[in-house]
Structure formats: C-alpha cells, structure tokens
C-alpha cells in the first residue's frame, strides 16, 4: 500500500539538478545547480513557484541549508578539494538572503565523482545530521550514510555507524524530523537505466537512523524523477520540487518540476 500520493506534477521554467527548497518571505527560496548558469542558482519564488534569480554561487553543488540549534543558517555542499582532487563535503554560514557564502570549511568526508548529494536536517535536539550517497558493490547498489554534529553549531561531525539504507537509493531528503515520526523522500538508482526509470519513494523512521522504505513508486514510469526536495505546508501536504529526465543513458536535459505530496 502506498504511503502517499504525488499529484499535480507541473513543469517549471528552469533546468537543473540537486534542488533545495525552503520558505522565504511570502513564498519560497529555491536553490539548484545549473550548467547553463554556471553554478548554484539562488532564486526567490512566489507562492506559485514563479522564480527570479538572485545570485549564482560558484565552486559548489548540492547545496542544502538548515537553521541550526545555535540559530545560524548553515550550508552544506559538495566542492572539489584542489589538494586531493576529490569531491568533499564543505560547510559554512550562509548569508541571511542566501546570496553569499560567509566561509568554506571541509568536513573531512570525501569520495569520487559518483559520490555526494548531501542533505542536512536539524534534529529535534538542535544538532544537525547530514545524509549522503556512497557507491556500493555492483550495479545499482548505492547506499545512504550519515554523520551527526557534536553540538548545536553544526560544524563538527561524527560518522554514524552502519548504513541508513542499502540497495540502490540516492538523492535522500528528509521531509520531516519529529521524534518518533521521521519522513524522507529519495530516488532509485540511475544505474537501472534504460530498463527501469528512476522513481521517487518514501521512507519512515523513528529516529532518523533506522529506515523502512515503501517499495511503491510515487511517480509514473514514462520519465525518470530524481533529486527531490520539499517543504511541509500548513495544510499538511508537502510542496515537492524535483528534476525530470527521459529514461535514457548518456547526456540528458533536467527540467525542474513541482508537485504536491499528500500522505495517506
């Protein structure tokens, strides 16, 4: 049985990957990585997700932003470390309007080109947890790992033991982090293409560490859906933004789309 339903999937006039959505002013702020724009786009959007670019941040991808228990706006992203030539998770305070990165500090977690896509979430106790993708062994075997900050500043982390999920899951995004009632959305592996599309799936957890995934896809099979992000609305639904692509290998375009997620 499906845990939720994704409806009203509508194209947005933007193209990119690794989107991050947050509330801002009377609407939303939308971040996404764009080859066309040459970096991480920061845009202000109205309630209908009609957006205007405010800035383009360079040298980063997969940006996610949280308000820590210490009250700072802390960003987490992937950046190429020039010394190691590896992708690494960096952190730094983000300006209130999100148009500037105030500092850049590597966290010590790195990997190869197929690695990364961090998602950060503020825990109920004020600390921060980061989830990211690690390659597994064999085709479509990606797994989700995490690290939790030592305190409410969200600047130093300890790796959590084990894996959050195994078996080909990527683009992990926590939608809700409440004691005893966590909810996440993620994509299936792109390594099943072109036989099977990437779809979006829900997972639940009591503590954000041990997860149960629903095997029923939220999305149709005529296209691939990836890199989901979302916010909880006052009516209990989630506004979700994702990238969409054809079910094909090789170079693809990634138009963004929005949808409404209602839980059952």
C-alpha atoms as a PDB file:
ATOM      1  CA  UNK A   1       0.000   0.000   0.000  1.00  0.00           C
ATOM      2  CA  UNK A   2       1.299   3.449  -0.911  1.00  0.00           C
ATOM      3  CA  UNK A   3       2.011   5.791   1.980  1.00  0.00           C
ATOM      4  CA  UNK A   4       1.315   8.892  -0.082  1.00  0.00           C
ATOM      5  CA  UNK A   5       0.321  10.291  -3.447  1.00  0.00           C
ATOM      6  CA  UNK A   6       2.217  12.753  -5.641  1.00  0.00           C
ATOM      7  CA  UNK A   7      -0.169  14.861  -7.723  1.00  0.00           C
ATOM      8  CA  UNK A   8      -0.270  17.947  -9.939  1.00  0.00           C
ATOM      9  CA  UNK A   9       3.202  17.384 -11.406  1.00  0.00           C
ATOM     10  CA  UNK A  10       3.883  20.637 -13.269  1.00  0.00           C
ATOM     11  CA  UNK A  11       6.933  21.736 -15.249  1.00  0.00           C
ATOM     12  CA  UNK A  12       8.892  24.752 -14.020  1.00  0.00           C
ATOM     13  CA  UNK A  13      10.690  27.117 -16.440  1.00  0.00           C
ATOM     14  CA  UNK A  14      14.099  26.157 -15.047  1.00  0.00           C
ATOM     15  CA  UNK A  15      16.586  23.393 -15.720  1.00  0.00           C
ATOM     16  CA  UNK A  16      18.918  21.932 -13.130  1.00  0.00           C
ATOM     17  CA  UNK A  17      19.664  19.248 -10.556  1.00  0.00           C
ATOM     18  CA  UNK A  18      20.109  18.899  -6.790  1.00  0.00           C
ATOM     19  CA  UNK A  19      17.391  21.406  -5.895  1.00  0.00           C
ATOM     20  CA  UNK A  20      16.811  22.603  -2.333  1.00  0.00           C
ATOM     21  CA  UNK A  21      13.566  24.342  -1.368  1.00  0.00           C
ATOM     22  CA  UNK A  22      12.898  26.477   1.707  1.00  0.00           C
ATOM     23  CA  UNK A  23      10.323  29.017   2.846  1.00  0.00           C
ATOM     24  CA  UNK A  24      11.281  32.677   2.449  1.00  0.00           C
ATOM     25  CA  UNK A  25       9.257  35.876   2.882  1.00  0.00           C
ATOM     26  CA  UNK A  26       5.823  35.283   1.326  1.00  0.00           C
ATOM     27  CA  UNK A  27       6.954  32.425  -0.885  1.00  0.00           C
ATOM     28  CA  UNK A  28       9.976  30.167  -1.304  1.00  0.00           C
ATOM     29  CA  UNK A  29      13.692  30.241  -1.942  1.00  0.00           C
ATOM     30  CA  UNK A  30      14.873  27.675  -4.485  1.00  0.00           C
ATOM     31  CA  UNK A  31      18.485  26.539  -4.946  1.00  0.00           C
ATOM     32  CA  UNK A  32      19.571  24.341  -7.848  1.00  0.00           C
ATOM     33  CA  UNK A  33      22.751  23.500  -9.747  1.00  0.00           C
ATOM     34  CA  UNK A  34      22.732  24.722 -13.344  1.00  0.00           C
ATOM     35  CA  UNK A  35      25.270  24.099 -16.097  1.00  0.00           C
ATOM     36  CA  UNK A  36      23.685  26.950 -18.075  1.00  0.00           C
ATOM     37  CA  UNK A  37      24.046  29.426 -15.193  1.00  0.00           C
ATOM     38  CA  UNK A  38      27.492  28.134 -14.283  1.00  0.00           C
ATOM     39  CA  UNK A  39      26.936  27.337 -10.619  1.00  0.00           C
ATOM     40  CA  UNK A  40      24.469  27.049  -7.765  1.00  0.00           C
ATOM     41  CA  UNK A  41      21.472  29.236  -8.560  1.00  0.00           C
ATOM     42  CA  UNK A  42      19.742  31.081  -5.709  1.00  0.00           C
ATOM     43  CA  UNK A  43      16.259  32.262  -6.675  1.00  0.00           C
ATOM     44  CA  UNK A  44      13.328  33.920  -4.915  1.00  0.00           C
ATOM     45  CA  UNK A  45       9.919  32.477  -5.766  1.00  0.00           C
ATOM     46  CA  UNK A  46       6.318  33.446  -5.141  1.00  0.00           C
ATOM     47  CA  UNK A  47       3.646  31.094  -3.818  1.00  0.00           C
ATOM     48  CA  UNK A  48       3.218  29.606  -7.312  1.00  0.00           C
ATOM     49  CA  UNK A  49       6.967  28.945  -7.649  1.00  0.00           C
ATOM     50  CA  UNK A  50       7.482  31.644 -10.244  1.00  0.00           C
ATOM     51  CA  UNK A  51      11.126  32.446  -9.534  1.00  0.00           C
ATOM     52  CA  UNK A  52      13.670  35.206 -10.157  1.00  0.00           C
ATOM     53  CA  UNK A  53      17.414  34.549  -9.885  1.00  0.00           C
ATOM     54  CA  UNK A  54      19.091  36.461  -7.049  1.00  0.00           C
ATOM     55  CA  UNK A  55      22.630  35.069  -7.264  1.00  0.00           C
ATOM     56  CA  UNK A  56      24.787  32.278  -8.667  1.00  0.00           C
ATOM     57  CA  UNK A  57      27.246  30.743  -6.193  1.00  0.00           C
ATOM     58  CA  UNK A  58      30.354  29.170  -7.734  1.00  0.00           C
ATOM     59  CA  UNK A  59      32.625  26.254  -6.740  1.00  0.00           C
ATOM     60  CA  UNK A  60      29.807  24.268  -5.177  1.00  0.00           C
ATOM     61  CA  UNK A  61      26.995  21.834  -5.920  1.00  0.00           C
ATOM     62  CA  UNK A  62      24.252  20.033  -3.992  1.00  0.00           C
ATOM     63  CA  UNK A  63      23.753  22.894  -1.530  1.00  0.00           C
ATOM     64  CA  UNK A  64      21.420  22.293   1.424  1.00  0.00           C
ATOM     65  CA  UNK A  65      20.744  24.880   4.152  1.00  0.00           C
ATOM     66  CA  UNK A  66      19.419  24.470   7.704  1.00  0.00           C
ATOM     67  CA  UNK A  67      18.938  26.708  10.723  1.00  0.00           C
ATOM     68  CA  UNK A  68      20.998  25.102  13.481  1.00  0.00           C
ATOM     69  CA  UNK A  69      20.104  24.884  17.147  1.00  0.00           C
ATOM     70  CA  UNK A  70      22.613  27.725  17.654  1.00  0.00           C
ATOM     71  CA  UNK A  71      20.493  29.912  15.371  1.00  0.00           C
ATOM     72  CA  UNK A  72      22.860  30.165  12.385  1.00  0.00           C
ATOM     73  CA  UNK A  73      21.984  29.495   8.744  1.00  0.00           C
ATOM     74  CA  UNK A  74      24.457  26.732   7.960  1.00  0.00           C
ATOM     75  CA  UNK A  75      25.036  25.440   4.443  1.00  0.00           C
ATOM     76  CA  UNK A  76      26.395  22.025   3.415  1.00  0.00           C
ATOM     77  CA  UNK A  77      27.523  21.286  -0.117  1.00  0.00           C
ATOM     78  CA  UNK A  78      29.984  19.381  -2.305  1.00  0.00           C
ATOM     79  CA  UNK A  79      33.131  21.064  -3.589  1.00  0.00           C
ATOM     80  CA  UNK A  80      36.234  19.732  -5.316  1.00  0.00           C
ATOM     81  CA  UNK A  81      39.202  19.786  -2.949  1.00  0.00           C
ATOM     82  CA  UNK A  82      42.131  21.113  -5.035  1.00  0.00           C
ATOM     83  CA  UNK A  83      44.676  19.243  -2.937  1.00  0.00           C
ATOM     84  CA  UNK A  84      43.125  15.773  -3.100  1.00  0.00           C
ATOM     85  CA  UNK A  85      41.241  16.170  -6.429  1.00  0.00           C
ATOM     86  CA  UNK A  86      38.292  14.522  -4.681  1.00  0.00           C
ATOM     87  CA  UNK A  87      34.774  15.770  -4.061  1.00  0.00           C
ATOM     88  CA  UNK A  88      34.347  16.725  -0.416  1.00  0.00           C
ATOM     89  CA  UNK A  89      31.517  17.915   1.817  1.00  0.00           C
ATOM     90  CA  UNK A  90      32.053  21.510   2.904  1.00  0.00           C
ATOM     91  CA  UNK A  91      30.153  23.622   5.403  1.00  0.00           C
ATOM     92  CA  UNK A  92      29.827  27.316   6.092  1.00  0.00           C
ATOM     93  CA  UNK A  93      27.478  30.009   7.271  1.00  0.00           C
ATOM     94  CA  UNK A  94      25.160  31.294   4.558  1.00  0.00           C
ATOM     95  CA  UNK A  95      24.087  34.941   4.387  1.00  0.00           C
ATOM     96  CA  UNK A  96      20.529  35.646   5.525  1.00  0.00           C
ATOM     97  CA  UNK A  97      19.448  36.334   1.926  1.00  0.00           C
ATOM     98  CA  UNK A  98      21.476  33.291   0.755  1.00  0.00           C
ATOM     99  CA  UNK A  99      23.342  35.311  -1.885  1.00  0.00           C
ATOM    100  CA  UNK A 100      26.781  34.764  -0.306  1.00  0.00           C
ATOM    101  CA  UNK A 101      28.774  32.045   1.457  1.00  0.00           C
ATOM    102  CA  UNK A 102      30.466  33.554   4.507  1.00  0.00           C
ATOM    103  CA  UNK A 103      33.002  30.742   5.000  1.00  0.00           C
ATOM    104  CA  UNK A 104      34.083  27.423   3.476  1.00  0.00           C
ATOM    105  CA  UNK A 105      35.246  24.605   5.754  1.00  0.00           C
ATOM    106  CA  UNK A 106      35.859  20.995   4.631  1.00  0.00           C
ATOM    107  CA  UNK A 107      34.284  18.419   6.947  1.00  0.00           C
ATOM    108  CA  UNK A 108      36.601  15.540   6.072  1.00  0.00           C
ATOM    109  CA  UNK A 109      34.131  13.367   4.150  1.00  0.00           C
ATOM    110  CA  UNK A 110      35.133  12.787   0.538  1.00  0.00           C
ATOM    111  CA  UNK A 111      34.640  10.455  -2.411  1.00  0.00           C
ATOM    112  CA  UNK A 112      34.950  10.032  -6.154  1.00  0.00           C
ATOM    113  CA  UNK A 113      32.844  11.503  -8.956  1.00  0.00           C
ATOM    114  CA  UNK A 114      29.801   9.304  -8.225  1.00  0.00           C
ATOM    115  CA  UNK A 115      29.693  10.373  -4.581  1.00  0.00           C
ATOM    116  CA  UNK A 116      27.919  13.061  -2.596  1.00  0.00           C
ATOM    117  CA  UNK A 117      24.475  14.719  -2.802  1.00  0.00           C
ATOM    118  CA  UNK A 118      24.352  15.662   0.902  1.00  0.00           C
ATOM    119  CA  UNK A 119      21.087  16.538   2.639  1.00  0.00           C
ATOM    120  CA  UNK A 120      21.194  18.236   6.031  1.00  0.00           C
ATOM    121  CA  UNK A 121      18.418  18.347   8.613  1.00  0.00           C
ATOM    122  CA  UNK A 122      18.122  19.971  12.041  1.00  0.00           C
ATOM    123  CA  UNK A 123      17.405  17.325  14.690  1.00  0.00           C
ATOM    124  CA  UNK A 124      14.756  17.774  17.388  1.00  0.00           C
ATOM    125  CA  UNK A 125      17.575  18.369  19.928  1.00  0.00           C
ATOM    126  CA  UNK A 126      19.167  21.163  17.840  1.00  0.00           C
ATOM    127  CA  UNK A 127      22.081  19.200  16.377  1.00  0.00           C
ATOM    128  CA  UNK A 128      22.466  18.633  12.621  1.00  0.00           C
ATOM    129  CA  UNK A 129      22.609  15.386  10.679  1.00  0.00           C
ATOM    130  CA  UNK A 130      23.949  15.089   7.126  1.00  0.00           C
ATOM    131  CA  UNK A 131      22.983  12.217   4.811  1.00  0.00           C
ATOM    132  CA  UNK A 132      24.835  11.426   1.602  1.00  0.00           C
ATOM    133  CA  UNK A 133      25.307   8.763  -1.071  1.00  0.00           C
ATOM    134  CA  UNK A 134      28.133   6.238  -1.202  1.00  0.00           C
ATOM    135  CA  UNK A 135      28.680   3.796  -4.079  1.00  0.00           C
ATOM    136  CA  UNK A 136      28.158   0.145  -3.202  1.00  0.00           C
ATOM    137  CA  UNK A 137      29.488  -3.016  -4.799  1.00  0.00           C
ATOM    138  CA  UNK A 138      27.907  -3.850  -8.134  1.00  0.00           C
ATOM    139  CA  UNK A 139      25.240  -2.247 -10.281  1.00  0.00           C
ATOM    140  CA  UNK A 140      22.528  -0.126  -8.616  1.00  0.00           C
ATOM    141  CA  UNK A 141      23.955  -0.732  -5.135  1.00  0.00           C
ATOM    142  CA  UNK A 142      24.304   2.823  -3.803  1.00  0.00           C
ATOM    143  CA  UNK A 143      23.749   3.282  -0.096  1.00  0.00           C
ATOM    144  CA  UNK A 144      22.936   6.153   2.249  1.00  0.00           C
ATOM    145  CA  UNK A 145      25.267   7.058   5.118  1.00  0.00           C
ATOM    146  CA  UNK A 146      25.107   9.872   7.670  1.00  0.00           C
ATOM    147  CA  UNK A 147      27.051  11.910  10.207  1.00  0.00           C
ATOM    148  CA  UNK A 148      25.703  13.828  13.211  1.00  0.00           C
ATOM    149  CA  UNK A 149      27.121  17.054  14.619  1.00  0.00           C
ATOM    150  CA  UNK A 150      28.711  17.032  18.042  1.00  0.00           C
ATOM    151  CA  UNK A 151      26.737  20.080  19.157  1.00  0.00           C
ATOM    152  CA  UNK A 152      24.154  22.620  18.028  1.00  0.00           C
ATOM    153  CA  UNK A 153      26.684  24.625  15.977  1.00  0.00           C
ATOM    154  CA  UNK A 154      26.565  22.013  13.213  1.00  0.00           C
ATOM    155  CA  UNK A 155      30.245  22.485  12.367  1.00  0.00           C
ATOM    156  CA  UNK A 156      31.982  19.280  13.553  1.00  0.00           C
ATOM    157  CA  UNK A 157      30.587  15.820  12.915  1.00  0.00           C
ATOM    158  CA  UNK A 158      30.934  12.161  13.842  1.00  0.00           C
ATOM    159  CA  UNK A 159      30.109   9.455  11.318  1.00  0.00           C
ATOM    160  CA  UNK A 160      27.063   7.401  12.327  1.00  0.00           C
ATOM    161  CA  UNK A 161      27.776   3.643  12.276  1.00  0.00           C
ATOM    162  CA  UNK A 162      26.301   1.472   9.532  1.00  0.00           C
ATOM    163  CA  UNK A 163      24.111   2.476   6.627  1.00  0.00           C
ATOM    164  CA  UNK A 164      20.769   4.245   6.654  1.00  0.00           C
ATOM    165  CA  UNK A 165      19.650   2.415   3.505  1.00  0.00           C
ATOM    166  CA  UNK A 166      21.274  -0.042   1.105  1.00  0.00           C
ATOM    167  CA  UNK A 167      20.384  -1.444  -2.285  1.00  0.00           C
ATOM    168  CA  UNK A 168      20.418   1.408  -4.790  1.00  0.00           C
ATOM    169  CA  UNK A 169      18.981   4.559  -3.207  1.00  0.00           C
ATOM    170  CA  UNK A 170      20.186   8.100  -3.953  1.00  0.00           C
ATOM    171  CA  UNK A 171      19.175  11.763  -3.500  1.00  0.00           C
ATOM    172  CA  UNK A 172      17.979  11.230   0.080  1.00  0.00           C
ATOM    173  CA  UNK A 173      15.930  14.158   1.503  1.00  0.00           C
ATOM    174  CA  UNK A 174      14.361  14.334   4.965  1.00  0.00           C
ATOM    175  CA  UNK A 175      10.941  15.989   4.741  1.00  0.00           C
ATOM    176  CA  UNK A 176      10.052  15.758   8.437  1.00  0.00           C
ATOM    177  CA  UNK A 177      12.184  15.179  11.546  1.00  0.00           C
ATOM    178  CA  UNK A 178       9.952  14.714  14.595  1.00  0.00           C
ATOM    179  CA  UNK A 179      10.801  12.402  17.491  1.00  0.00           C
ATOM    180  CA  UNK A 180       9.271   9.059  16.599  1.00  0.00           C
ATOM    181  CA  UNK A 181       7.959  10.216  13.214  1.00  0.00           C
ATOM    182  CA  UNK A 182      10.546  10.935  10.504  1.00  0.00           C
ATOM    183  CA  UNK A 183       9.724  11.017   6.800  1.00  0.00           C
ATOM    184  CA  UNK A 184      12.117  11.037   3.837  1.00  0.00           C
ATOM    185  CA  UNK A 185      11.841  11.013   0.056  1.00  0.00           C
ATOM    186  CA  UNK A 186      14.510   9.698  -2.314  1.00  0.00           C
ATOM    187  CA  UNK A 187      15.262   8.466  -5.823  1.00  0.00           C
ATOM    188  CA  UNK A 188      16.052   4.994  -7.032  1.00  0.00           C
ATOM    189  CA  UNK A 189      19.411   4.332  -8.668  1.00  0.00           C
ATOM    190  CA  UNK A 190      20.152   5.783 -12.121  1.00  0.00           C
ATOM    191  CA  UNK A 191      22.179   2.646 -12.870  1.00  0.00           C
ATOM    192  CA  UNK A 192      18.997   0.728 -13.792  1.00  0.00           C
ATOM    193  CA  UNK A 193      18.509   2.891 -16.907  1.00  0.00           C
ATOM    194  CA  UNK A 194      17.320   2.430 -19.571  1.00  0.00           C
ATOM    195  CA  UNK A 195      15.473  -0.745 -18.438  1.00  0.00           C
ATOM    196  CA  UNK A 196      13.901   0.861 -15.367  1.00  0.00           C
ATOM    197  CA  UNK A 197      13.246   4.567 -14.723  1.00  0.00           C
ATOM    198  CA  UNK A 198      14.354   6.490 -11.686  1.00  0.00           C
ATOM    199  CA  UNK A 199      11.378   6.939  -9.406  1.00  0.00           C
ATOM    200  CA  UNK A 200      10.633   8.705  -6.124  1.00  0.00           C
ATOM    201  CA  UNK A 201       9.999   6.692  -2.954  1.00  0.00           C
ATOM    202  CA  UNK A 202       9.093   7.391   0.678  1.00  0.00           C
ATOM    203  CA  UNK A 203      10.780   6.071   3.842  1.00  0.00           C
ATOM    204  CA  UNK A 204       9.845   6.305   7.517  1.00  0.00           C
ATOM    205  CA  UNK A 205      11.906   6.190  10.698  1.00  0.00           C
ATOM    206  CA  UNK A 206      11.516   6.682  14.440  1.00  0.00           C
ATOM    207  CA  UNK A 207      14.964   8.222  14.948  1.00  0.00           C
ATOM    208  CA  UNK A 208      16.403   9.144  11.525  1.00  0.00           C
ATOM    209  CA  UNK A 209      18.876   6.251  11.668  1.00  0.00           C
ATOM    210  CA  UNK A 210      16.873   3.072  11.015  1.00  0.00           C
ATOM    211  CA  UNK A 211      14.598   3.472   7.993  1.00  0.00           C
ATOM    212  CA  UNK A 212      11.779   1.464   6.406  1.00  0.00           C
ATOM    213  CA  UNK A 213      11.205   2.183   2.715  1.00  0.00           C
ATOM    214  CA  UNK A 214       7.929   1.801   0.829  1.00  0.00           C
ATOM    215  CA  UNK A 215       8.657  -0.113  -2.411  1.00  0.00           C
ATOM    216  CA  UNK A 216       5.831   1.572  -4.347  1.00  0.00           C
ATOM    217  CA  UNK A 217       6.990   4.439  -6.572  1.00  0.00           C
ATOM    218  CA  UNK A 218       5.263   7.799  -6.255  1.00  0.00           C
ATOM    219  CA  UNK A 219       5.992   8.713  -9.883  1.00  0.00           C
ATOM    220  CA  UNK A 220       4.904   7.400 -13.306  1.00  0.00           C
ATOM    221  CA  UNK A 221       7.274   5.236 -15.346  1.00  0.00           C
ATOM    222  CA  UNK A 222       7.260   7.216 -18.601  1.00  0.00           C
ATOM    223  CA  UNK A 223      10.014   9.535 -17.300  1.00  0.00           C
ATOM    224  CA  UNK A 224      12.711   9.470 -14.618  1.00  0.00           C
ATOM    225  CA  UNK A 225      12.322  11.576 -11.461  1.00  0.00           C
ATOM    226  CA  UNK A 226      15.274  12.458  -9.247  1.00  0.00           C
ATOM    227  CA  UNK A 227      16.770  14.924  -6.736  1.00  0.00           C
ATOM    228  CA  UNK A 228      13.563  15.592  -4.756  1.00  0.00           C
ATOM    229  CA  UNK A 229      13.285  18.383  -2.195  1.00  0.00           C
ATOM    230  CA  UNK A 230      10.238  19.550  -0.268  1.00  0.00           C
ATOM    231  CA  UNK A 231       8.667  21.634   2.483  1.00  0.00           C
ATOM    232  CA  UNK A 232       5.701  20.967   4.761  1.00  0.00           C
ATOM    233  CA  UNK A 233       2.737  23.266   4.135  1.00  0.00           C
ATOM    234  CA  UNK A 234       0.161  24.416   6.718  1.00  0.00           C
ATOM    235  CA  UNK A 235      -2.482  22.055   5.304  1.00  0.00           C
ATOM    236  CA  UNK A 236      -0.271  19.006   5.971  1.00  0.00           C
ATOM    237  CA  UNK A 237       0.770  18.433   2.362  1.00  0.00           C
ATOM    238  CA  UNK A 238       4.302  18.840   1.047  1.00  0.00           C
ATOM    239  CA  UNK A 239       5.350  21.017  -1.873  1.00  0.00           C
ATOM    240  CA  UNK A 240       7.961  18.975  -3.738  1.00  0.00           C
ATOM    241  CA  UNK A 241      10.430  20.107  -6.407  1.00  0.00           C
ATOM    242  CA  UNK A 242      12.347  17.541  -8.461  1.00  0.00           C
ATOM    243  CA  UNK A 243      14.325  17.082 -11.660  1.00  0.00           C
ATOM    244  CA  UNK A 244      12.797  15.151 -14.565  1.00  0.00           C
ATOM    245  CA  UNK A 245      14.624  13.349 -17.366  1.00  0.00           C
ATOM    246  CA  UNK A 246      13.940  10.823 -20.123  1.00  0.00           C
ATOM    247  CA  UNK A 247      14.568   7.144 -19.458  1.00  0.00           C
ATOM    248  CA  UNK A 248      17.850   7.051 -21.333  1.00  0.00           C
ATOM    249  CA  UNK A 249      21.565   6.771 -20.736  1.00  0.00           C
ATOM    250  CA  UNK A 250      24.045   9.470 -21.671  1.00  0.00           C
ATOM    251  CA  UNK A 251      23.630  13.224 -21.753  1.00  0.00           C
ATOM    252  CA  UNK A 252      20.153  14.313 -20.681  1.00  0.00           C
ATOM    253  CA  UNK A 253      18.319  17.564 -20.011  1.00  0.00           C
ATOM    254  CA  UNK A 254      16.963  18.001 -16.482  1.00  0.00           C
ATOM    255  CA  UNK A 255      13.969  20.348 -16.371  1.00  0.00           C
ATOM    256  CA  UNK A 256      12.619  21.054 -12.895  1.00  0.00           C
ATOM    257  CA  UNK A 257       9.050  20.254 -11.902  1.00  0.00           C
ATOM    258  CA  UNK A 258       6.850  20.808  -8.863  1.00  0.00           C
ATOM    259  CA  UNK A 259       4.194  18.569  -7.315  1.00  0.00           C
ATOM    260  CA  UNK A 260       2.036  18.127  -4.210  1.00  0.00           C
ATOM    261  CA  UNK A 261       2.666  15.184  -1.883  1.00  0.00           C
ATOM    262  CA  UNK A 262      -0.258  14.123   0.295  1.00  0.00           C
ATOM    263  CA  UNK A 263       0.219  11.368   2.861  1.00  0.00           C
ATOM    264  CA  UNK A 264      -2.317   8.582   3.290  1.00  0.00           C
END
